[in-house]
Amino acid sequence: MRKNDARDFDLDKFQFRGLHPKLRLGTASDRYAGWIGQIYTRERYRDRTSRRRNTVGGKSFLEEVLPVDSVEEYFEHFQVLEIDYTFYSPLLDKNRNPTQN
């Protein structure tokens, strides 16, 4: 971006209204409970989140996640969702049988 560009966005303030209309933004997750009150309606998910334990770099933490149906509300805000779980575990095994995903 050129310094004197008059587009309507400010990367430092996370304002992206002036981005090209064919550019699509999304995230790598749709079930992040930290977005309740920002992306997701608080009342809709009251008492509907679950917790799961994850380990990264030998350290364990609890992650709070939304139910699968939260994807409906996700798509009210974003048009793209990265689905990367097939990278970590294919949908079919070597005999072409379904896996746990």
PDB file of N, CA and C in Angstrom:
ATOM      1  N   MET A   1       0.841  -1.177   0.000  1.00  0.00           N
ATOM      2  CA  MET A   1       0.000   0.000   0.000  1.00  0.00           C
ATOM      3  C   MET A   1       0.884   1.237   0.000  1.00  0.00           C
ATOM      4  N   ARG A   2       0.569   2.164  -0.828  1.00  0.00           N
ATOM      5  CA  ARG A   2       1.302   3.422  -0.855  1.00  0.00           C
ATOM      6  C   ARG A   2       0.886   4.315   0.303  1.00  0.00           C
ATOM      7  N   LYS A   3       1.809   5.109   0.770  1.00  0.00           N
ATOM      8  CA  LYS A   3       1.568   5.958   1.940  1.00  0.00           C
ATOM      9  C   LYS A   3       0.396   6.913   1.729  1.00  0.00           C
ATOM     10  N   ASN A   4       0.215   7.443   0.529  1.00  0.00           N
ATOM     11  CA  ASN A   4      -0.838   8.420   0.271  1.00  0.00           C
ATOM     12  C   ASN A   4      -2.087   7.792  -0.348  1.00  0.00           C
ATOM     13  N   ASP A   5      -2.210   6.509  -0.235  1.00  0.00           N
ATOM     14  CA  ASP A   5      -3.369   5.810  -0.777  1.00  0.00           C
ATOM     15  C   ASP A   5      -4.618   6.204   0.020  1.00  0.00           C
ATOM     16  N   ALA A   6      -5.695   6.586  -0.650  1.00  0.00           N
ATOM     17  CA  ALA A   6      -6.883   7.105   0.033  1.00  0.00           C
ATOM     18  C   ALA A   6      -7.934   6.031   0.301  1.00  0.00           C
ATOM     19  N   ARG A   7      -7.571   4.778   0.238  1.00  0.00           N
ATOM     20  CA  ARG A   7      -8.544   3.711   0.491  1.00  0.00           C
ATOM     21  C   ARG A   7      -9.051   3.777   1.916  1.00  0.00           C
ATOM     22  N   ASP A   8     -10.232   3.183   2.120  1.00  0.00           N
ATOM     23  CA  ASP A   8     -10.896   3.242   3.423  1.00  0.00           C
ATOM     24  C   ASP A   8     -10.513   2.049   4.293  1.00  0.00           C
ATOM     25  N   PHE A   9      -9.226   1.896   4.596  1.00  0.00           N
ATOM     26  CA  PHE A   9      -8.837   0.896   5.582  1.00  0.00           C
ATOM     27  C   PHE A   9      -7.586   1.335   6.295  1.00  0.00           C
ATOM     28  N   ASP A  10      -7.489   0.878   7.541  1.00  0.00           N
ATOM     29  CA  ASP A  10      -6.373   1.234   8.404  1.00  0.00           C
ATOM     30  C   ASP A  10      -5.920  -0.042   9.093  1.00  0.00           C
ATOM     31  N   LEU A  11      -4.826  -0.631   8.620  1.00  0.00           N
ATOM     32  CA  LEU A  11      -4.366  -1.907   9.151  1.00  0.00           C
ATOM     33  C   LEU A  11      -4.045  -1.836  10.636  1.00  0.00           C
ATOM     34  N   ASP A  12      -3.572  -0.706  11.115  1.00  0.00           N
ATOM     35  CA  ASP A  12      -3.244  -0.569  12.534  1.00  0.00           C
ATOM     36  C   ASP A  12      -4.484  -0.602  13.422  1.00  0.00           C
ATOM     37  N   LYS A  13      -5.631  -0.226  12.876  1.00  0.00           N
ATOM     38  CA  LYS A  13      -6.879  -0.206  13.651  1.00  0.00           C
ATOM     39  C   LYS A  13      -7.803  -1.366  13.257  1.00  0.00           C
ATOM     40  N   PHE A  14      -7.333  -2.273  12.423  1.00  0.00           N
ATOM     41  CA  PHE A  14      -8.110  -3.424  11.959  1.00  0.00           C
ATOM     42  C   PHE A  14      -9.402  -2.997  11.271  1.00  0.00           C
ATOM     43  N   GLN A  15      -9.333  -1.956  10.463  1.00  0.00           N
ATOM     44  CA  GLN A  15     -10.477  -1.504   9.680  1.00  0.00           C
ATOM     45  C   GLN A  15     -10.212  -1.855   8.225  1.00  0.00           C
ATOM     46  N   PHE A  16     -11.033  -2.738   7.681  1.00  0.00           N
ATOM     47  CA  PHE A  16     -10.761  -3.290   6.356  1.00  0.00           C
ATOM     48  C   PHE A  16     -11.889  -3.029   5.354  1.00  0.00           C
ATOM     49  N   ARG A  17     -12.720  -2.040   5.568  1.00  0.00           N
ATOM     50  CA  ARG A  17     -13.861  -1.802   4.701  1.00  0.00           C
ATOM     51  C   ARG A  17     -13.463  -1.490   3.253  1.00  0.00           C
ATOM     52  N   GLY A  18     -12.296  -0.976   3.012  1.00  0.00           N
ATOM     53  CA  GLY A  18     -11.895  -0.581   1.670  1.00  0.00           C
ATOM     54  C   GLY A  18     -11.168  -1.650   0.881  1.00  0.00           C
ATOM     55  N   LEU A  19     -11.121  -2.865   1.379  1.00  0.00           N
ATOM     56  CA  LEU A  19     -10.442  -3.934   0.650  1.00  0.00           C
ATOM     57  C   LEU A  19     -11.199  -4.270  -0.634  1.00  0.00           C
ATOM     58  N   HIS A  20     -10.509  -4.851  -1.568  1.00  0.00           N
ATOM     59  CA  HIS A  20     -11.109  -5.210  -2.850  1.00  0.00           C
ATOM     60  C   HIS A  20     -12.351  -6.070  -2.622  1.00  0.00           C
ATOM     61  N   PRO A  21     -13.450  -5.815  -3.322  1.00  0.00           N
ATOM     62  CA  PRO A  21     -14.699  -6.541  -3.089  1.00  0.00           C
ATOM     63  C   PRO A  21     -14.631  -8.045  -3.381  1.00  0.00           C
ATOM     64  N   LYS A  22     -13.645  -8.485  -4.146  1.00  0.00           N
ATOM     65  CA  LYS A  22     -13.535  -9.916  -4.434  1.00  0.00           C
ATOM     66  C   LYS A  22     -12.595 -10.645  -3.472  1.00  0.00           C
ATOM     67  N   LEU A  23     -12.003  -9.915  -2.556  1.00  0.00           N
ATOM     68  CA  LEU A  23     -11.155 -10.532  -1.545  1.00  0.00           C
ATOM     69  C   LEU A  23     -12.040 -11.109  -0.457  1.00  0.00           C
ATOM     70  N   ARG A  24     -11.824 -12.363  -0.105  1.00  0.00           N
ATOM     71  CA  ARG A  24     -12.622 -13.034   0.919  1.00  0.00           C
ATOM     72  C   ARG A  24     -11.751 -13.328   2.124  1.00  0.00           C
ATOM     73  N   LEU A  25     -12.235 -12.977   3.313  1.00  0.00           N
ATOM     74  CA  LEU A  25     -11.527 -13.236   4.561  1.00  0.00           C
ATOM     75  C   LEU A  25     -12.261 -14.307   5.342  1.00  0.00           C
ATOM     76  N   GLY A  26     -11.506 -15.109   6.061  1.00  0.00           N
ATOM     77  CA  GLY A  26     -12.075 -16.135   6.910  1.00  0.00           C
ATOM     78  C   GLY A  26     -11.078 -16.496   7.981  1.00  0.00           C
ATOM     79  N   THR A  27     -11.328 -17.577   8.674  1.00  0.00           N
ATOM     80  CA  THR A  27     -10.449 -18.013   9.751  1.00  0.00           C
ATOM     81  C   THR A  27     -10.153 -19.497   9.602  1.00  0.00           C
ATOM     82  N   ALA A  28      -9.281 -20.004  10.460  1.00  0.00           N
ATOM     83  CA  ALA A  28      -8.942 -21.425  10.455  1.00  0.00           C
ATOM     84  C   ALA A  28      -9.784 -22.183  11.468  1.00  0.00           C
ATOM     85  N   SER A  29     -10.708 -21.532  12.104  1.00  0.00           N
ATOM     86  CA  SER A  29     -11.584 -22.199  13.067  1.00  0.00           C
ATOM     87  C   SER A  29     -12.908 -21.467  13.098  1.00  0.00           C
ATOM     88  N   ASP A  30     -13.976 -22.207  13.324  1.00  0.00           N
ATOM     89  CA  ASP A  30     -15.287 -21.590  13.443  1.00  0.00           C
ATOM     90  C   ASP A  30     -15.897 -21.829  14.821  1.00  0.00           C
ATOM     91  N   ARG A  31     -15.213 -22.549  15.689  1.00  0.00           N
ATOM     92  CA  ARG A  31     -15.815 -22.947  16.965  1.00  0.00           C
ATOM     93  C   ARG A  31     -15.132 -22.296  18.167  1.00  0.00           C
ATOM     94  N   TYR A  32     -14.432 -21.206  17.962  1.00  0.00           N
ATOM     95  CA  TYR A  32     -13.680 -20.521  19.007  1.00  0.00           C
ATOM     96  C   TYR A  32     -14.626 -19.767  19.941  1.00  0.00           C
ATOM     97  N   ALA A  33     -14.763 -20.235  21.172  1.00  0.00           N
ATOM     98  CA  ALA A  33     -15.696 -19.637  22.127  1.00  0.00           C
ATOM     99  C   ALA A  33     -15.283 -18.234  22.558  1.00  0.00           C
ATOM    100  N   GLY A  34     -14.050 -17.855  22.340  1.00  0.00           N
ATOM    101  CA  GLY A  34     -13.605 -16.508  22.674  1.00  0.00           C
ATOM    102  C   GLY A  34     -14.293 -15.428  21.865  1.00  0.00           C
ATOM    103  N   TRP A  35     -14.978 -15.797  20.800  1.00  0.00           N
ATOM    104  CA  TRP A  35     -15.683 -14.832  19.963  1.00  0.00           C
ATOM    105  C   TRP A  35     -17.130 -14.615  20.409  1.00  0.00           C
ATOM    106  N   ILE A  36     -17.551 -15.257  21.484  1.00  0.00           N
ATOM    107  CA  ILE A  36     -18.906 -15.029  21.986  1.00  0.00           C
ATOM    108  C   ILE A  36     -19.019 -13.565  22.390  1.00  0.00           C
ATOM    109  N   GLY A  37     -20.034 -12.906  21.899  1.00  0.00           N
ATOM    110  CA  GLY A  37     -20.230 -11.488  22.152  1.00  0.00           C
ATOM    111  C   GLY A  37     -19.654 -10.611  21.055  1.00  0.00           C
ATOM    112  N   GLN A  38     -18.813 -11.187  20.178  1.00  0.00           N
ATOM    113  CA  GLN A  38     -18.250 -10.437  19.051  1.00  0.00           C
ATOM    114  C   GLN A  38     -18.802 -10.974  17.731  1.00  0.00           C
ATOM    115  N   ILE A  39     -18.599 -12.247  17.493  1.00  0.00           N
ATOM    116  CA  ILE A  39     -19.092 -12.915  16.287  1.00  0.00           C
ATOM    117  C   ILE A  39     -20.345 -13.726  16.623  1.00  0.00           C
ATOM    118  N   TYR A  40     -20.320 -14.365  17.764  1.00  0.00           N
ATOM    119  CA  TYR A  40     -21.404 -15.248  18.172  1.00  0.00           C
ATOM    120  C   TYR A  40     -22.293 -14.603  19.226  1.00  0.00           C
ATOM    121  N   THR A  41     -23.585 -14.847  19.130  1.00  0.00           N
ATOM    122  CA  THR A  41     -24.563 -14.321  20.065  1.00  0.00           C
ATOM    123  C   THR A  41     -24.438 -15.023  21.411  1.00  0.00           C
ATOM    124  N   ARG A  42     -24.253 -14.242  22.457  1.00  0.00           N
ATOM    125  CA  ARG A  42     -24.056 -14.793  23.799  1.00  0.00           C
ATOM    126  C   ARG A  42     -25.223 -15.698  24.214  1.00  0.00           C
ATOM    127  N   GLU A  43     -26.441 -15.255  24.024  1.00  0.00           N
ATOM    128  CA  GLU A  43     -27.614 -16.013  24.461  1.00  0.00           C
ATOM    129  C   GLU A  43     -27.751 -17.351  23.726  1.00  0.00           C
ATOM    130  N   ARG A  44     -27.375 -17.370  22.471  1.00  0.00           N
ATOM    131  CA  ARG A  44     -27.529 -18.589  21.660  1.00  0.00           C
ATOM    132  C   ARG A  44     -26.657 -19.743  22.163  1.00  0.00           C
ATOM    133  N   TYR A  45     -25.512 -19.414  22.773  1.00  0.00           N
ATOM    134  CA  TYR A  45     -24.572 -20.466  23.169  1.00  0.00           C
ATOM    135  C   TYR A  45     -24.424 -20.597  24.683  1.00  0.00           C
ATOM    136  N   ARG A  46     -25.279 -19.919  25.431  1.00  0.00           N
ATOM    137  CA  ARG A  46     -25.249 -20.044  26.886  1.00  0.00           C
ATOM    138  C   ARG A  46     -25.439 -21.523  27.257  1.00  0.00           C
ATOM    139  N   ASP A  47     -24.527 -22.044  28.040  1.00  0.00           N
ATOM    140  CA  ASP A  47     -24.556 -23.448  28.491  1.00  0.00           C
ATOM    141  C   ASP A  47     -24.425 -24.453  27.346  1.00  0.00           C
ATOM    142  N   ARG A  48     -23.875 -24.039  26.210  1.00  0.00           N
ATOM    143  CA  ARG A  48     -23.728 -24.960  25.079  1.00  0.00           C
ATOM    144  C   ARG A  48     -22.282 -25.159  24.662  1.00  0.00           C
ATOM    145  N   THR A  49     -21.339 -24.563  25.357  1.00  0.00           N
ATOM    146  CA  THR A  49     -19.935 -24.764  25.009  1.00  0.00           C
ATOM    147  C   THR A  49     -19.427 -26.021  25.708  1.00  0.00           C
ATOM    148  N   SER A  50     -18.354 -26.558  25.170  1.00  0.00           N
ATOM    149  CA  SER A  50     -17.702 -27.714  25.804  1.00  0.00           C
ATOM    150  C   SER A  50     -16.219 -27.393  25.946  1.00  0.00           C
ATOM    151  N   ARG A  51     -15.559 -28.188  26.751  1.00  0.00           N
ATOM    152  CA  ARG A  51     -14.120 -27.986  26.957  1.00  0.00           C
ATOM    153  C   ARG A  51     -13.381 -29.246  26.561  1.00  0.00           C
ATOM    154  N   ARG A  52     -12.214 -29.033  25.989  1.00  0.00           N
ATOM    155  CA  ARG A  52     -11.353 -30.166  25.643  1.00  0.00           C
ATOM    156  C   ARG A  52      -9.920 -29.790  25.984  1.00  0.00           C
ATOM    157  N   ARG A  53      -9.148 -30.780  26.366  1.00  0.00           N
ATOM    158  CA  ARG A  53      -7.760 -30.561  26.743  1.00  0.00           C
ATOM    159  C   ARG A  53      -6.878 -30.741  25.518  1.00  0.00           C
ATOM    160  N   ASN A  54      -5.995 -29.785  25.302  1.00  0.00           N
ATOM    161  CA  ASN A  54      -5.028 -29.830  24.210  1.00  0.00           C
ATOM    162  C   ASN A  54      -3.624 -29.731  24.784  1.00  0.00           C
ATOM    163  N   THR A  55      -2.668 -30.262  24.041  1.00  0.00           N
ATOM    164  CA  THR A  55      -1.271 -30.163  24.436  1.00  0.00           C
ATOM    165  C   THR A  55      -0.469 -29.614  23.263  1.00  0.00           C
ATOM    166  N   VAL A  56       0.273 -28.556  23.526  1.00  0.00           N
ATOM    167  CA  VAL A  56       1.137 -27.946  22.514  1.00  0.00           C
ATOM    168  C   VAL A  56       2.489 -27.696  23.164  1.00  0.00           C
ATOM    169  N   GLY A  57       3.541 -28.193  22.538  1.00  0.00           N
ATOM    170  CA  GLY A  57       4.880 -27.984  23.068  1.00  0.00           C
ATOM    171  C   GLY A  57       5.064 -28.558  24.460  1.00  0.00           C
ATOM    172  N   GLY A  58       4.377 -29.660  24.740  1.00  0.00           N
ATOM    173  CA  GLY A  58       4.492 -30.298  26.047  1.00  0.00           C
ATOM    174  C   GLY A  58       3.685 -29.634  27.145  1.00  0.00           C
ATOM    175  N   LYS A  59       2.976 -28.546  26.832  1.00  0.00           N
ATOM    176  CA  LYS A  59       2.144 -27.859  27.821  1.00  0.00           C
ATOM    177  C   LYS A  59       0.675 -28.109  27.509  1.00  0.00           C
ATOM    178  N   SER A  60      -0.083 -28.397  28.551  1.00  0.00           N
ATOM    179  CA  SER A  60      -1.490 -28.731  28.415  1.00  0.00           C
ATOM    180  C   SER A  60      -2.359 -27.526  28.780  1.00  0.00           C
ATOM    181  N   PHE A  61      -3.479 -27.369  28.085  1.00  0.00           N
ATOM    182  CA  PHE A  61      -4.422 -26.291  28.388  1.00  0.00           C
ATOM    183  C   PHE A  61      -5.831 -26.726  28.029  1.00  0.00           C
ATOM    184  N   LEU A  62      -6.824 -26.068  28.642  1.00  0.00           N
ATOM    185  CA  LEU A  62      -8.220 -26.314  28.320  1.00  0.00           C
ATOM    186  C   LEU A  62      -8.663 -25.338  27.240  1.00  0.00           C
ATOM    187  N   GLU A  63      -9.373 -25.843  26.271  1.00  0.00           N
ATOM    188  CA  GLU A  63      -9.909 -25.026  25.194  1.00  0.00           C
ATOM    189  C   GLU A  63     -11.428 -25.108  25.264  1.00  0.00           C
ATOM    190  N   GLU A  64     -12.092 -23.973  25.218  1.00  0.00           N
ATOM    191  CA  GLU A  64     -13.548 -23.939  25.212  1.00  0.00           C
ATOM    192  C   GLU A  64     -14.021 -23.792  23.774  1.00  0.00           C
ATOM    193  N   VAL A  65     -14.931 -24.669  23.364  1.00  0.00           N
ATOM    194  CA  VAL A  65     -15.394 -24.662  21.970  1.00  0.00           C
ATOM    195  C   VAL A  65     -16.914 -24.607  21.897  1.00  0.00           C
ATOM    196  N   LEU A  66     -17.373 -24.077  20.789  1.00  0.00           N
ATOM    197  CA  LEU A  66     -18.796 -23.968  20.508  1.00  0.00           C
ATOM    198  C   LEU A  66     -19.299 -25.248  19.845  1.00  0.00           C
ATOM    199  N   PRO A  67     -20.597 -25.488  19.863  1.00  0.00           N
ATOM    200  CA  PRO A  67     -21.140 -26.658  19.150  1.00  0.00           C
ATOM    201  C   PRO A  67     -20.992 -26.484  17.637  1.00  0.00           C
ATOM    202  N   VAL A  68     -21.066 -27.584  16.918  1.00  0.00           N
ATOM    203  CA  VAL A  68     -20.868 -27.585  15.465  1.00  0.00           C
ATOM    204  C   VAL A  68     -21.851 -26.649  14.759  1.00  0.00           C
ATOM    205  N   ASP A  69     -23.073 -26.535  15.256  1.00  0.00           N
ATOM    206  CA  ASP A  69     -24.048 -25.686  14.570  1.00  0.00           C
ATOM    207  C   ASP A  69     -23.706 -24.197  14.617  1.00  0.00           C
ATOM    208  N   SER A  70     -22.656 -23.816  15.339  1.00  0.00           N
ATOM    209  CA  SER A  70     -22.225 -22.411  15.365  1.00  0.00           C
ATOM    210  C   SER A  70     -21.743 -21.946  13.995  1.00  0.00           C
ATOM    211  N   VAL A  71     -21.441 -22.886  13.108  1.00  0.00           N
ATOM    212  CA  VAL A  71     -20.968 -22.519  11.772  1.00  0.00           C
ATOM    213  C   VAL A  71     -22.017 -21.683  11.028  1.00  0.00           C
ATOM    214  N   GLU A  72     -23.300 -21.877  11.344  1.00  0.00           N
ATOM    215  CA  GLU A  72     -24.341 -21.072  10.696  1.00  0.00           C
ATOM    216  C   GLU A  72     -24.147 -19.586  11.000  1.00  0.00           C
ATOM    217  N   GLU A  73     -23.900 -19.264  12.267  1.00  0.00           N
ATOM    218  CA  GLU A  73     -23.684 -17.867  12.644  1.00  0.00           C
ATOM    219  C   GLU A  73     -22.329 -17.369  12.149  1.00  0.00           C
ATOM    220  N   TYR A  74     -21.333 -18.242  12.101  1.00  0.00           N
ATOM    221  CA  TYR A  74     -20.014 -17.893  11.562  1.00  0.00           C
ATOM    222  C   TYR A  74     -20.149 -17.328  10.148  1.00  0.00           C
ATOM    223  N   PHE A  75     -20.947 -18.007   9.309  1.00  0.00           N
ATOM    224  CA  PHE A  75     -21.082 -17.588   7.914  1.00  0.00           C
ATOM    225  C   PHE A  75     -21.926 -16.332   7.743  1.00  0.00           C
ATOM    226  N   GLU A  76     -22.505 -15.816   8.808  1.00  0.00           N
ATOM    227  CA  GLU A  76     -23.141 -14.507   8.737  1.00  0.00           C
ATOM    228  C   GLU A  76     -22.084 -13.399   8.724  1.00  0.00           C
ATOM    229  N   HIS A  77     -20.862 -13.724   9.132  1.00  0.00           N
ATOM    230  CA  HIS A  77     -19.782 -12.751   9.220  1.00  0.00           C
ATOM    231  C   HIS A  77     -18.652 -12.996   8.231  1.00  0.00           C
ATOM    232  N   PHE A  78     -18.377 -14.256   7.920  1.00  0.00           N
ATOM    233  CA  PHE A  78     -17.270 -14.624   7.043  1.00  0.00           C
ATOM    234  C   PHE A  78     -17.794 -15.479   5.894  1.00  0.00           C
ATOM    235  N   GLN A  79     -17.105 -15.408   4.750  1.00  0.00           N
ATOM    236  CA  GLN A  79     -17.492 -16.218   3.597  1.00  0.00           C
ATOM    237  C   GLN A  79     -16.558 -17.400   3.382  1.00  0.00           C
ATOM    238  N   VAL A  80     -15.467 -17.460   4.137  1.00  0.00           N
ATOM    239  CA  VAL A  80     -14.460 -18.497   3.951  1.00  0.00           C
ATOM    240  C   VAL A  80     -14.141 -19.132   5.299  1.00  0.00           C
ATOM    241  N   LEU A  81     -13.994 -20.455   5.305  1.00  0.00           N
ATOM    242  CA  LEU A  81     -13.573 -21.183   6.496  1.00  0.00           C
ATOM    243  C   LEU A  81     -12.538 -22.209   6.077  1.00  0.00           C
ATOM    244  N   GLU A  82     -11.365 -22.134   6.679  1.00  0.00           N
ATOM    245  CA  GLU A  82     -10.321 -23.117   6.395  1.00  0.00           C
ATOM    246  C   GLU A  82     -10.650 -24.405   7.143  1.00  0.00           C
ATOM    247  N   ILE A  83     -10.650 -25.499   6.429  1.00  0.00           N
ATOM    248  CA  ILE A  83     -10.856 -26.808   7.047  1.00  0.00           C
ATOM    249  C   ILE A  83      -9.541 -27.564   6.883  1.00  0.00           C
ATOM    250  N   ASP A  84      -8.759 -27.612   7.958  1.00  0.00           N
ATOM    251  CA  ASP A  84      -7.427 -28.190   7.852  1.00  0.00           C
ATOM    252  C   ASP A  84      -7.297 -29.553   8.532  1.00  0.00           C
ATOM    253  N   TYR A  85      -8.370 -30.063   9.127  1.00  0.00           N
ATOM    254  CA  TYR A  85      -8.233 -31.331   9.839  1.00  0.00           C
ATOM    255  C   TYR A  85      -7.878 -32.486   8.916  1.00  0.00           C
ATOM    256  N   THR A  86      -8.181 -32.382   7.632  1.00  0.00           N
ATOM    257  CA  THR A  86      -7.802 -33.450   6.709  1.00  0.00           C
ATOM    258  C   THR A  86      -6.295 -33.495   6.488  1.00  0.00           C
ATOM    259  N   PHE A  87      -5.597 -32.404   6.775  1.00  0.00           N
ATOM    260  CA  PHE A  87      -4.139 -32.396   6.692  1.00  0.00           C
ATOM    261  C   PHE A  87      -3.549 -33.277   7.795  1.00  0.00           C
ATOM    262  N   TYR A  88      -4.159 -33.233   8.966  1.00  0.00           N
ATOM    263  CA  TYR A  88      -3.650 -33.974  10.122  1.00  0.00           C
ATOM    264  C   TYR A  88      -4.156 -35.408  10.165  1.00  0.00           C
ATOM    265  N   SER A  89      -5.305 -35.672   9.604  1.00  0.00           N
ATOM    266  CA  SER A  89      -5.880 -37.011   9.582  1.00  0.00           C
ATOM    267  C   SER A  89      -6.791 -37.122   8.357  1.00  0.00           C
ATOM    268  N   PRO A  90      -6.375 -37.880   7.343  1.00  0.00           N
ATOM    269  CA  PRO A  90      -7.170 -37.983   6.118  1.00  0.00           C
ATOM    270  C   PRO A  90      -8.585 -38.505   6.381  1.00  0.00           C
ATOM    271  N   LEU A  91      -9.498 -38.162   5.478  1.00  0.00           N
ATOM    272  CA  LEU A  91     -10.877 -38.632   5.607  1.00  0.00           C
ATOM    273  C   LEU A  91     -10.998 -40.130   5.346  1.00  0.00           C
ATOM    274  N   LEU A  92     -10.117 -40.663   4.499  1.00  0.00           N
ATOM    275  CA  LEU A  92     -10.131 -42.091   4.192  1.00  0.00           C
ATOM    276  C   LEU A  92      -8.776 -42.697   4.541  1.00  0.00           C
ATOM    277  N   ASP A  93      -8.787 -43.953   5.018  1.00  0.00           N
ATOM    278  CA  ASP A  93      -7.523 -44.629   5.287  1.00  0.00           C
ATOM    279  C   ASP A  93      -6.980 -45.238   3.987  1.00  0.00           C
ATOM    280  N   LYS A  94      -5.880 -45.982   4.065  1.00  0.00           N
ATOM    281  CA  LYS A  94      -5.248 -46.509   2.846  1.00  0.00           C
ATOM    282  C   LYS A  94      -6.131 -47.510   2.106  1.00  0.00           C
ATOM    283  N   ASN A  95      -7.136 -48.088   2.788  1.00  0.00           N
ATOM    284  CA  ASN A  95      -8.086 -49.007   2.151  1.00  0.00           C
ATOM    285  C   ASN A  95      -9.377 -48.291   1.715  1.00  0.00           C
ATOM    286  N   ARG A  96      -9.337 -46.985   1.780  1.00  0.00           N
ATOM    287  CA  ARG A  96     -10.461 -46.132   1.411  1.00  0.00           C
ATOM    288  C   ARG A  96     -11.663 -46.270   2.325  1.00  0.00           C
ATOM    289  N   ASN A  97     -11.394 -46.630   3.590  1.00  0.00           N
ATOM    290  CA  ASN A  97     -12.446 -46.682   4.607  1.00  0.00           C
ATOM    291  C   ASN A  97     -12.473 -45.362   5.360  1.00  0.00           C
ATOM    292  N   PRO A  98     -13.665 -44.908   5.770  1.00  0.00           N
ATOM    293  CA  PRO A  98     -13.751 -43.645   6.502  1.00  0.00           C
ATOM    294  C   PRO A  98     -12.948 -43.702   7.821  1.00  0.00           C
ATOM    295  N   THR A  99     -12.313 -42.572   8.161  1.00  0.00           N
ATOM    296  CA  THR A  99     -11.615 -42.455   9.424  1.00  0.00           C
ATOM    297  C   THR A  99     -12.514 -41.728  10.419  1.00  0.00           C
ATOM    298  N   GLN A 100     -11.990 -41.446  11.598  1.00  0.00           N
ATOM    299  CA  GLN A 100     -12.814 -40.799  12.632  1.00  0.00           C
ATOM    300  C   GLN A 100     -13.265 -39.394  12.264  1.00  0.00           C
ATOM    301  N   ASN A 101     -12.631 -38.769  11.266  1.00  0.00           N
ATOM    302  CA  ASN A 101     -13.072 -37.438  10.854  1.00  0.00           C
ATOM    303  C   ASN A 101     -14.317 -37.506  10.021  1.00  0.00           C
TER     304      ASN A 101
END
